[in-house]
Amino acid sequence: MKKLVLTVAAIATIVGLSNACESTKGEEPVKEAKAAAPAAEEPKAEEAKEAEPEPAPEPEKVRPTKRDIDLKVKVTERQCFGSAGCNVTVQVTPLWKGVDTPKFDGDYDVTYRITGDESGPIIGTFTMYANGKYDVPYEEMVSTSSVNTPVDAQVTTVEETLGGW
């Protein structure tokens, strides 16, 4: 019985090889090698995907407060009239207290107060946009009581812009 089983298995193997040879008759062995090559390269492609660095995360968007912004006051013109005081033209520039100006989570109106004017504080507003840029009035005119009167500016409020016209 064992001889019969081995003989049947041997015949089946020979017939299988014979059929395999018939099906590949006329084909070039190189084609089989080319077909097998991509399968061997697939793990390399997966490894390459794993090795690619992930894109840097976008900076976190922030909601500014009045403590985050300093104001620089630059005197662009000064005309003095002796004891009558001076007319001073100033430009206000916002400075972010952090290292870099961040991206905001929306547009914000920043209201500020300029001190040093003899008739009282001057109130102004500029917009800080989501991209970190700002829109400040070009110049403010201040009348001081003397050449030695300091002109300064402080942020009073920061509010999300309502938008629209």
N, C-alpha and C. Protein backbone atom coordinates (compact mmCIF):
# COMPACT_ATOMS: atom_id res chain seq x y z
N MET A 1 0.81 -1.18 0.00
CA MET A 1 0.00 0.00 0.00
C MET A 1 0.87 1.26 0.00
N LYS A 2 1.97 1.21 0.79
CA LYS A 2 2.85 2.36 0.84
C LYS A 2 3.51 2.60 -0.49
N LYS A 3 3.85 1.51 -1.22
CA LYS A 3 4.47 1.66 -2.52
C LYS A 3 3.52 2.33 -3.49
N LEU A 4 2.25 1.98 -3.41
CA LEU A 4 1.24 2.53 -4.30
C LEU A 4 1.07 4.03 -4.04
N VAL A 5 1.05 4.45 -2.78
CA VAL A 5 0.89 5.86 -2.43
C VAL A 5 2.11 6.64 -2.91
N LEU A 6 3.30 6.13 -2.71
CA LEU A 6 4.50 6.81 -3.16
C LEU A 6 4.53 6.90 -4.68
N THR A 7 4.10 5.85 -5.36
CA THR A 7 4.10 5.84 -6.81
C THR A 7 3.11 6.87 -7.33
N VAL A 8 1.93 6.96 -6.73
CA VAL A 8 0.91 7.93 -7.15
C VAL A 8 1.44 9.35 -6.91
N ALA A 9 2.11 9.56 -5.78
CA ALA A 9 2.66 10.89 -5.48
C ALA A 9 3.75 11.25 -6.46
N ALA A 10 4.58 10.29 -6.83
CA ALA A 10 5.66 10.53 -7.77
C ALA A 10 5.09 10.85 -9.14
N ILE A 11 4.05 10.13 -9.56
CA ILE A 11 3.42 10.39 -10.87
C ILE A 11 2.80 11.78 -10.87
N ALA A 12 2.14 12.16 -9.79
CA ALA A 12 1.50 13.47 -9.70
C ALA A 12 2.55 14.58 -9.79
N THR A 13 3.68 14.38 -9.17
CA THR A 13 4.75 15.37 -9.21
C THR A 13 5.29 15.53 -10.62
N ILE A 14 5.47 14.38 -11.31
CA ILE A 14 5.99 14.41 -12.68
C ILE A 14 4.99 15.09 -13.60
N VAL A 15 3.72 14.78 -13.45
CA VAL A 15 2.67 15.39 -14.28
C VAL A 15 2.61 16.89 -14.00
N GLY A 16 2.72 17.30 -12.74
CA GLY A 16 2.69 18.72 -12.38
C GLY A 16 3.85 19.48 -12.99
N LEU A 17 5.03 18.88 -12.93
CA LEU A 17 6.20 19.53 -13.52
C LEU A 17 6.07 19.60 -15.03
N SER A 18 5.51 18.56 -15.60
CA SER A 18 5.32 18.53 -17.05
C SER A 18 4.36 19.64 -17.47
N ASN A 19 3.26 19.82 -16.71
CA ASN A 19 2.30 20.90 -17.03
C ASN A 19 2.93 22.28 -16.83
N ALA A 20 3.74 22.42 -15.82
CA ALA A 20 4.40 23.70 -15.57
C ALA A 20 5.35 24.05 -16.69
N CYS A 21 6.05 23.03 -17.20
CA CYS A 21 6.96 23.27 -18.31
C CYS A 21 6.19 23.64 -19.55
N GLU A 22 5.03 23.00 -19.79
CA GLU A 22 4.21 23.30 -20.96
C GLU A 22 3.70 24.75 -20.90
N SER A 23 3.29 25.21 -19.70
CA SER A 23 2.71 26.56 -19.60
C SER A 23 3.76 27.64 -19.76
N THR A 24 5.03 27.34 -19.49
CA THR A 24 6.07 28.36 -19.63
C THR A 24 6.85 28.21 -20.91
N LYS A 25 6.44 27.25 -21.76
CA LYS A 25 7.14 27.03 -23.01
C LYS A 25 7.07 28.29 -23.86
N GLY A 26 8.19 28.75 -24.38
CA GLY A 26 8.21 29.92 -25.23
C GLY A 26 8.40 31.22 -24.47
N GLU A 27 8.26 31.20 -23.15
CA GLU A 27 8.47 32.42 -22.36
C GLU A 27 9.93 32.51 -21.99
N GLU A 28 10.40 33.72 -21.86
CA GLU A 28 11.79 33.92 -21.51
C GLU A 28 11.92 33.93 -19.99
N PRO A 29 12.94 33.27 -19.46
CA PRO A 29 13.14 33.26 -18.02
C PRO A 29 13.39 34.66 -17.45
N VAL A 30 13.88 35.58 -18.26
CA VAL A 30 14.15 36.93 -17.78
C VAL A 30 12.86 37.60 -17.32
N LYS A 31 11.76 37.35 -18.05
CA LYS A 31 10.49 37.96 -17.68
C LYS A 31 10.07 37.52 -16.29
N GLU A 32 10.32 36.27 -15.96
CA GLU A 32 9.97 35.79 -14.63
C GLU A 32 10.82 36.51 -13.59
N ALA A 33 12.07 36.74 -13.90
CA ALA A 33 12.94 37.43 -12.96
C ALA A 33 12.48 38.88 -12.77
N LYS A 34 12.05 39.53 -13.84
CA LYS A 34 11.56 40.90 -13.72
C LYS A 34 10.30 40.96 -12.90
N ALA A 35 9.43 39.98 -13.09
CA ALA A 35 8.19 39.97 -12.33
C ALA A 35 8.47 39.75 -10.86
N ALA A 36 9.49 38.98 -10.55
CA ALA A 36 9.81 38.71 -9.17
C ALA A 36 10.52 39.89 -8.51
N ALA A 37 11.21 40.75 -9.27
CA ALA A 37 11.98 41.85 -8.71
C ALA A 37 11.12 42.86 -7.95
N PRO A 38 9.96 43.30 -8.48
CA PRO A 38 9.19 44.27 -7.72
C PRO A 38 8.75 43.75 -6.36
N ALA A 39 8.46 42.47 -6.27
CA ALA A 39 8.05 41.92 -4.99
C ALA A 39 9.18 42.05 -3.99
N ALA A 40 10.42 41.89 -4.44
CA ALA A 40 11.56 42.03 -3.55
C ALA A 40 11.79 43.49 -3.18
N GLU A 41 11.40 44.45 -4.04
CA GLU A 41 11.61 45.86 -3.78
C GLU A 41 10.53 46.47 -2.90
N GLU A 42 9.39 45.84 -2.76
CA GLU A 42 8.30 46.41 -1.98
C GLU A 42 8.69 46.76 -0.56
N PRO A 43 9.40 45.89 0.17
CA PRO A 43 9.78 46.28 1.52
C PRO A 43 10.66 47.53 1.53
N LYS A 44 11.50 47.71 0.50
CA LYS A 44 12.35 48.90 0.44
C LYS A 44 11.49 50.15 0.31
N ALA A 45 10.44 50.10 -0.49
CA ALA A 45 9.54 51.25 -0.65
C ALA A 45 8.86 51.56 0.68
N GLU A 46 8.45 50.53 1.41
CA GLU A 46 7.81 50.75 2.71
C GLU A 46 8.82 51.35 3.68
N GLU A 47 10.07 50.86 3.64
CA GLU A 47 11.09 51.41 4.52
C GLU A 47 11.33 52.87 4.20
N ALA A 48 11.31 53.23 2.91
CA ALA A 48 11.53 54.62 2.50
C ALA A 48 10.41 55.50 3.04
N LYS A 49 9.17 55.01 3.00
CA LYS A 49 8.06 55.79 3.53
C LYS A 49 8.23 56.02 5.02
N GLU A 50 8.70 54.99 5.72
CA GLU A 50 8.90 55.13 7.16
C GLU A 50 10.04 56.09 7.46
N ALA A 51 11.06 56.14 6.60
CA ALA A 51 12.23 56.96 6.83
C ALA A 51 11.97 58.44 6.52
N GLU A 52 10.95 58.76 5.72
CA GLU A 52 10.66 60.15 5.37
C GLU A 52 10.25 60.91 6.63
N PRO A 53 10.82 62.10 6.84
CA PRO A 53 10.43 62.87 8.03
C PRO A 53 9.01 63.41 7.85
N GLU A 54 8.30 63.45 8.96
CA GLU A 54 6.95 64.00 8.92
C GLU A 54 7.04 65.51 8.83
N PRO A 55 6.07 66.15 8.15
CA PRO A 55 6.11 67.61 8.05
C PRO A 55 6.01 68.23 9.45
N ALA A 56 6.68 69.36 9.61
CA ALA A 56 6.67 70.05 10.90
C ALA A 56 5.26 70.51 11.21
N PRO A 57 4.82 70.37 12.45
CA PRO A 57 3.48 70.82 12.80
C PRO A 57 3.38 72.33 12.68
N GLU A 58 2.20 72.81 12.32
CA GLU A 58 2.00 74.24 12.21
C GLU A 58 2.07 74.86 13.60
N PRO A 59 2.58 76.10 13.68
CA PRO A 59 2.66 76.72 14.99
C PRO A 59 1.26 76.90 15.57
N GLU A 60 1.17 76.76 16.86
CA GLU A 60 -0.12 76.89 17.53
C GLU A 60 -0.60 78.33 17.40
N LYS A 61 -1.87 78.48 17.07
CA LYS A 61 -2.43 79.82 16.94
C LYS A 61 -2.80 80.33 18.32
N VAL A 62 -2.56 81.62 18.53
CA VAL A 62 -2.75 82.19 19.86
C VAL A 62 -3.79 83.30 19.84
N ARG A 63 -4.29 83.58 21.02
CA ARG A 63 -5.22 84.69 21.25
C ARG A 63 -4.44 85.74 22.04
N PRO A 64 -4.09 86.88 21.42
CA PRO A 64 -3.25 87.86 22.11
C PRO A 64 -4.01 88.58 23.24
N THR A 65 -3.24 89.02 24.22
CA THR A 65 -3.78 89.86 25.30
C THR A 65 -2.95 91.14 25.35
N LYS A 66 -3.38 92.11 26.13
CA LYS A 66 -2.64 93.38 26.19
C LYS A 66 -1.26 93.20 26.82
N ARG A 67 -1.07 92.16 27.60
CA ARG A 67 0.26 91.89 28.19
C ARG A 67 1.24 91.33 27.16
N ASP A 68 0.74 90.86 26.01
CA ASP A 68 1.60 90.28 24.97
C ASP A 68 2.21 91.32 24.03
N ILE A 69 1.73 92.56 24.09
CA ILE A 69 2.12 93.57 23.10
C ILE A 69 2.72 94.80 23.79
N ASP A 70 3.90 95.19 23.36
CA ASP A 70 4.50 96.47 23.77
C ASP A 70 4.32 97.43 22.60
N LEU A 71 4.31 98.72 22.91
CA LEU A 71 4.21 99.73 21.85
C LEU A 71 5.46 100.59 21.86
N LYS A 72 6.05 100.76 20.69
CA LYS A 72 7.21 101.62 20.52
C LYS A 72 6.70 102.94 19.94
N VAL A 73 7.09 104.05 20.56
CA VAL A 73 6.70 105.37 20.07
C VAL A 73 7.94 106.01 19.45
N LYS A 74 7.84 106.31 18.17
CA LYS A 74 8.94 106.94 17.45
C LYS A 74 8.53 108.38 17.10
N VAL A 75 9.34 109.34 17.51
CA VAL A 75 9.09 110.75 17.18
C VAL A 75 9.61 110.98 15.77
N THR A 76 8.70 111.36 14.86
CA THR A 76 9.11 111.60 13.47
C THR A 76 9.30 113.08 13.18
N GLU A 77 8.62 113.95 13.95
CA GLU A 77 8.78 115.40 13.79
C GLU A 77 8.55 116.07 15.14
N ARG A 78 9.24 117.18 15.36
CA ARG A 78 9.02 117.97 16.57
C ARG A 78 9.25 119.43 16.21
N GLN A 79 8.25 120.26 16.52
CA GLN A 79 8.39 121.70 16.32
C GLN A 79 8.03 122.38 17.63
N CYS A 80 8.98 123.07 18.22
CA CYS A 80 8.76 123.71 19.52
C CYS A 80 8.62 125.22 19.38
N PHE A 81 7.86 125.84 20.31
CA PHE A 81 7.56 127.27 20.28
C PHE A 81 7.92 127.93 21.61
N GLY A 82 9.10 127.64 22.10
CA GLY A 82 9.55 128.24 23.37
C GLY A 82 8.70 127.77 24.53
N SER A 83 8.18 128.75 25.29
CA SER A 83 7.37 128.41 26.46
C SER A 83 5.97 127.91 26.08
N ALA A 84 5.59 128.03 24.82
CA ALA A 84 4.27 127.57 24.38
C ALA A 84 4.21 126.05 24.18
N GLY A 85 5.34 125.37 24.22
CA GLY A 85 5.34 123.91 24.06
C GLY A 85 5.74 123.48 22.66
N CYS A 86 5.43 122.22 22.34
CA CYS A 86 5.87 121.64 21.06
C CYS A 86 4.74 120.87 20.39
N ASN A 87 4.77 120.87 19.09
CA ASN A 87 3.93 119.96 18.31
C ASN A 87 4.82 118.78 17.92
N VAL A 88 4.40 117.60 18.30
CA VAL A 88 5.21 116.40 18.08
C VAL A 88 4.40 115.41 17.25
N THR A 89 5.01 114.90 16.19
CA THR A 89 4.39 113.86 15.38
C THR A 89 5.06 112.54 15.76
N VAL A 90 4.24 111.55 16.10
CA VAL A 90 4.78 110.25 16.53
C VAL A 90 4.17 109.13 15.69
N GLN A 91 4.91 108.05 15.64
CA GLN A 91 4.43 106.84 14.98
C GLN A 91 4.46 105.72 16.02
N VAL A 92 3.36 104.98 16.15
CA VAL A 92 3.25 103.89 17.12
C VAL A 92 3.42 102.57 16.38
N THR A 93 4.34 101.73 16.90
CA THR A 93 4.60 100.43 16.30
C THR A 93 4.44 99.35 17.36
N PRO A 94 3.62 98.33 17.10
CA PRO A 94 3.48 97.25 18.08
C PRO A 94 4.68 96.30 18.04
N LEU A 95 5.08 95.82 19.19
CA LEU A 95 6.15 94.85 19.32
C LEU A 95 5.62 93.65 20.11
N TRP A 96 5.72 92.48 19.54
CA TRP A 96 5.28 91.25 20.21
C TRP A 96 6.33 90.89 21.26
N LYS A 97 5.93 90.58 22.47
CA LYS A 97 6.89 90.31 23.54
C LYS A 97 7.60 88.98 23.38
N GLY A 98 7.08 88.08 22.57
CA GLY A 98 7.75 86.80 22.34
C GLY A 98 8.88 86.94 21.35
N VAL A 99 9.52 85.83 21.04
CA VAL A 99 10.64 85.82 20.11
C VAL A 99 10.18 86.18 18.70
N ASP A 100 9.16 85.49 18.23
CA ASP A 100 8.61 85.73 16.89
C ASP A 100 7.14 86.09 17.02
N THR A 101 6.64 86.84 16.04
CA THR A 101 5.22 87.15 16.02
C THR A 101 4.47 85.87 15.65
N PRO A 102 3.56 85.42 16.49
CA PRO A 102 2.85 84.17 16.20
C PRO A 102 1.71 84.37 15.22
N LYS A 103 1.13 83.28 14.81
CA LYS A 103 -0.10 83.32 14.02
C LYS A 103 -1.25 83.39 15.02
N PHE A 104 -2.16 84.33 14.77
CA PHE A 104 -3.30 84.49 15.67
C PHE A 104 -4.47 83.64 15.21
N ASP A 105 -5.40 83.38 16.13
CA ASP A 105 -6.56 82.57 15.77
C ASP A 105 -7.67 83.41 15.13
N GLY A 106 -7.38 84.65 14.81
CA GLY A 106 -8.33 85.55 14.16
C GLY A 106 -7.71 86.94 14.08
N ASP A 107 -8.49 87.92 13.67
CA ASP A 107 -8.03 89.31 13.62
C ASP A 107 -8.42 90.00 14.93
N TYR A 108 -7.56 90.91 15.40
CA TYR A 108 -7.80 91.58 16.69
C TYR A 108 -7.61 93.07 16.56
N ASP A 109 -8.51 93.84 17.19
CA ASP A 109 -8.37 95.28 17.31
C ASP A 109 -7.63 95.57 18.61
N VAL A 110 -6.55 96.33 18.50
CA VAL A 110 -5.75 96.69 19.66
C VAL A 110 -5.94 98.19 19.89
N THR A 111 -6.51 98.55 21.04
CA THR A 111 -6.72 99.96 21.38
C THR A 111 -5.59 100.39 22.31
N TYR A 112 -5.07 101.59 22.05
CA TYR A 112 -3.95 102.09 22.84
C TYR A 112 -4.21 103.53 23.27
N ARG A 113 -3.42 103.96 24.27
CA ARG A 113 -3.53 105.32 24.79
C ARG A 113 -2.14 105.96 24.72
N ILE A 114 -2.07 107.13 24.06
CA ILE A 114 -0.83 107.91 24.00
C ILE A 114 -0.91 108.97 25.09
N THR A 115 0.12 109.03 25.94
CA THR A 115 0.18 110.04 26.99
C THR A 115 1.28 111.04 26.67
N GLY A 116 1.14 112.25 27.22
CA GLY A 116 2.12 113.32 27.01
C GLY A 116 1.50 114.52 26.34
N ASP A 117 0.31 114.36 25.76
CA ASP A 117 -0.37 115.49 25.13
C ASP A 117 -0.90 116.40 26.23
N GLU A 118 -0.74 117.73 26.08
CA GLU A 118 -1.15 118.67 27.13
C GLU A 118 -2.66 118.71 27.34
N SER A 119 -3.43 118.27 26.36
CA SER A 119 -4.89 118.30 26.54
C SER A 119 -5.45 116.94 26.99
N GLY A 120 -4.58 115.98 27.24
CA GLY A 120 -5.04 114.67 27.73
C GLY A 120 -4.61 113.54 26.81
N PRO A 121 -4.90 112.32 27.20
CA PRO A 121 -4.48 111.17 26.40
C PRO A 121 -5.18 111.10 25.05
N ILE A 122 -4.47 110.55 24.09
CA ILE A 122 -5.03 110.33 22.76
C ILE A 122 -5.27 108.82 22.63
N ILE A 123 -6.47 108.46 22.18
CA ILE A 123 -6.84 107.04 22.04
C ILE A 123 -6.78 106.68 20.55
N GLY A 124 -6.18 105.55 20.24
CA GLY A 124 -6.09 105.06 18.86
C GLY A 124 -6.31 103.55 18.82
N THR A 125 -6.55 103.04 17.66
CA THR A 125 -6.77 101.59 17.48
C THR A 125 -6.10 101.13 16.20
N PHE A 126 -5.52 99.94 16.23
CA PHE A 126 -5.00 99.30 15.02
C PHE A 126 -5.44 97.85 15.03
N THR A 127 -5.31 97.19 13.89
CA THR A 127 -5.72 95.79 13.76
C THR A 127 -4.50 94.91 13.59
N MET A 128 -4.47 93.81 14.36
CA MET A 128 -3.46 92.76 14.17
C MET A 128 -4.19 91.61 13.49
N TYR A 129 -3.67 91.20 12.34
CA TYR A 129 -4.32 90.17 11.53
C TYR A 129 -3.84 88.77 11.89
N ALA A 130 -4.60 87.77 11.48
CA ALA A 130 -4.30 86.37 11.80
C ALA A 130 -2.91 85.96 11.31
N ASN A 131 -2.41 86.58 10.25
CA ASN A 131 -1.09 86.22 9.71
C ASN A 131 0.06 86.91 10.44
N GLY A 132 -0.24 87.67 11.50
CA GLY A 132 0.81 88.31 12.29
C GLY A 132 1.11 89.73 11.86
N LYS A 133 0.54 90.20 10.75
CA LYS A 133 0.77 91.57 10.30
C LYS A 133 -0.19 92.51 11.03
N TYR A 134 0.07 93.79 10.91
CA TYR A 134 -0.78 94.77 11.59
C TYR A 134 -0.98 96.00 10.73
N ASP A 135 -2.02 96.74 11.05
CA ASP A 135 -2.39 97.95 10.31
C ASP A 135 -2.48 99.08 11.34
N VAL A 136 -1.45 99.91 11.40
CA VAL A 136 -1.37 100.99 12.38
C VAL A 136 -1.55 102.32 11.67
N PRO A 137 -2.28 103.28 12.29
CA PRO A 137 -2.34 104.61 11.69
C PRO A 137 -0.91 105.13 11.51
N TYR A 138 -0.66 105.78 10.38
CA TYR A 138 0.71 106.17 10.06
C TYR A 138 1.32 107.08 11.12
N GLU A 139 0.62 108.14 11.51
CA GLU A 139 1.15 109.09 12.48
C GLU A 139 0.05 109.65 13.37
N GLU A 140 0.46 110.08 14.55
CA GLU A 140 -0.43 110.78 15.49
C GLU A 140 0.23 112.10 15.83
N MET A 141 -0.57 113.17 15.98
CA MET A 141 -0.06 114.49 16.34
C MET A 141 -0.32 114.73 17.83
N VAL A 142 0.74 115.14 18.55
CA VAL A 142 0.65 115.39 19.98
C VAL A 142 1.18 116.79 20.25
N SER A 143 0.50 117.53 21.15
CA SER A 143 0.98 118.85 21.60
C SER A 143 1.48 118.69 23.02
N THR A 144 2.78 118.93 23.23
CA THR A 144 3.35 118.78 24.57
C THR A 144 3.57 120.16 25.19
N SER A 145 3.63 120.20 26.52
CA SER A 145 3.81 121.48 27.21
C SER A 145 5.24 121.97 27.16
N SER A 146 6.20 121.07 26.93
CA SER A 146 7.61 121.49 26.81
C SER A 146 8.38 120.45 25.99
N VAL A 147 9.62 120.79 25.65
CA VAL A 147 10.47 119.90 24.89
C VAL A 147 10.82 118.64 25.70
N ASN A 148 10.76 118.73 27.02
CA ASN A 148 11.13 117.61 27.89
C ASN A 148 9.97 116.67 28.23
N THR A 149 8.77 116.95 27.75
CA THR A 149 7.63 116.10 28.07
C THR A 149 7.73 114.78 27.31
N PRO A 150 7.75 113.65 28.04
CA PRO A 150 7.83 112.35 27.36
C PRO A 150 6.49 111.97 26.72
N VAL A 151 6.58 111.32 25.57
CA VAL A 151 5.39 110.80 24.89
C VAL A 151 5.50 109.28 24.94
N ASP A 152 4.44 108.63 25.44
CA ASP A 152 4.47 107.18 25.61
C ASP A 152 3.14 106.60 25.15
N ALA A 153 3.10 105.30 24.95
CA ALA A 153 1.85 104.63 24.55
C ALA A 153 1.75 103.29 25.26
N GLN A 154 0.53 102.93 25.66
CA GLN A 154 0.25 101.65 26.29
C GLN A 154 -0.99 101.03 25.65
N VAL A 155 -0.99 99.70 25.56
CA VAL A 155 -2.17 98.98 25.08
C VAL A 155 -3.20 98.99 26.19
N THR A 156 -4.44 99.34 25.85
CA THR A 156 -5.51 99.33 26.86
C THR A 156 -6.42 98.12 26.71
N THR A 157 -6.73 97.73 25.48
CA THR A 157 -7.57 96.54 25.27
C THR A 157 -7.18 95.82 23.98
N VAL A 158 -7.46 94.52 23.96
CA VAL A 158 -7.30 93.71 22.75
C VAL A 158 -8.60 92.93 22.61
N GLU A 159 -9.30 93.17 21.50
CA GLU A 159 -10.59 92.53 21.27
C GLU A 159 -10.63 91.90 19.89
N GLU A 160 -11.32 90.77 19.79
CA GLU A 160 -11.45 90.12 18.49
C GLU A 160 -12.25 91.04 17.57
N THR A 161 -11.75 91.21 16.35
CA THR A 161 -12.40 92.06 15.36
C THR A 161 -13.74 91.45 14.97
N LEU A 162 -14.76 92.29 14.91
CA LEU A 162 -16.08 91.81 14.53
C LEU A 162 -16.17 91.51 13.06
N GLY A 163 -15.34 92.16 12.25
CA GLY A 163 -15.29 91.89 10.80
C GLY A 163 -16.45 92.53 10.06
N GLY A 164 -16.29 92.54 8.75
CA GLY A 164 -17.33 93.10 7.89
C GLY A 164 -17.33 94.61 7.88
N TRP A 165 -18.01 95.17 6.91
CA TRP A 165 -18.14 96.62 6.81
C TRP A 165 -19.54 97.00 7.04
